[in-house]
């Protein structure tokens, strides 16, 4: 049973998340030959002030 955790900055729509989990699930089913029902995906969203890149908070970019 694959469990995928995806971390990203808040701001995507529910429609974008639906499309993403559908495509990620399809890739897993195809590549590791598991059943679609066996795939679990956890989306962890962070506020822009809780993540930085290159020493700069996303909220400051």
Protein backbone atom coordinates (compact mmCIF):
# COMPACT_ATOMS: atom_id res chain seq x y z
CA UNK A 1 0.00 0.00 0.00
CA UNK A 2 1.84 3.13 -1.17
CA UNK A 3 1.49 6.25 0.94
CA UNK A 4 2.59 9.50 -0.71
CA UNK A 5 3.10 12.73 1.24
CA UNK A 6 3.09 15.98 -0.70
CA UNK A 7 4.17 19.20 1.00
CA UNK A 8 3.41 22.51 -0.65
CA UNK A 9 2.69 26.14 0.03
CA UNK A 10 -0.99 26.97 0.54
CA UNK A 11 -2.85 28.54 -2.34
CA UNK A 12 -3.90 25.79 -4.74
CA UNK A 13 -7.57 25.26 -5.46
CA UNK A 14 -9.46 22.09 -4.62
CA UNK A 15 -9.72 21.44 -8.37
CA UNK A 16 -5.93 21.59 -8.72
CA UNK A 17 -5.49 19.19 -5.80
CA UNK A 18 -8.05 16.78 -7.26
CA UNK A 19 -6.21 16.76 -10.59
CA UNK A 20 -2.85 16.28 -8.87
CA UNK A 21 -3.91 13.32 -6.72
CA UNK A 22 -5.58 11.67 -9.71
CA UNK A 23 -2.41 11.92 -11.79
CA UNK A 24 -0.10 10.84 -8.96
CA UNK A 25 -2.36 7.86 -8.30
CA UNK A 26 -2.38 6.91 -11.99
CA UNK A 27 1.44 7.01 -12.13
CA UNK A 28 1.74 4.74 -9.10
CA UNK A 29 -0.81 2.28 -10.46
CA UNK A 30 1.08 2.15 -13.77
CA UNK A 31 4.64 2.00 -12.43
CA UNK A 32 4.34 -0.23 -9.37
CA UNK A 33 1.25 -2.09 -10.54
CA UNK A 34 -0.89 -1.62 -7.48
CA UNK A 35 -4.62 -1.15 -7.23
CA UNK A 36 -5.92 2.42 -7.32
CA UNK A 37 -7.72 1.81 -4.03
CA UNK A 38 -4.42 0.97 -2.34
CA UNK A 39 -2.89 4.40 -2.95
CA UNK A 40 -3.08 6.95 -0.13
CA UNK A 41 -1.99 10.56 -0.58
CA UNK A 42 -1.48 13.08 2.21
CA UNK A 43 -1.31 16.76 1.28
CA UNK A 44 0.43 18.99 3.81
CA UNK A 45 0.01 22.70 3.21
CA UNK A 46 2.21 25.36 4.73
CA UNK A 47 1.67 29.08 5.10
CA UNK A 48 4.13 31.17 3.08
CA UNK A 49 5.77 32.43 6.27
CA UNK A 50 6.65 28.85 7.26
CA UNK A 51 8.92 28.04 4.33
CA UNK A 52 11.95 29.76 2.81
CA UNK A 53 14.15 29.37 -0.24
CA UNK A 54 17.58 30.89 -0.56
CA UNK A 55 17.31 32.46 2.89
CA UNK A 56 14.10 34.35 2.05
CA UNK A 57 10.65 33.53 3.34
CA UNK A 58 8.12 32.81 0.61
CA UNK A 59 5.92 35.48 2.15
CA UNK A 60 8.69 38.02 1.41
CA UNK A 61 9.20 36.98 -2.22
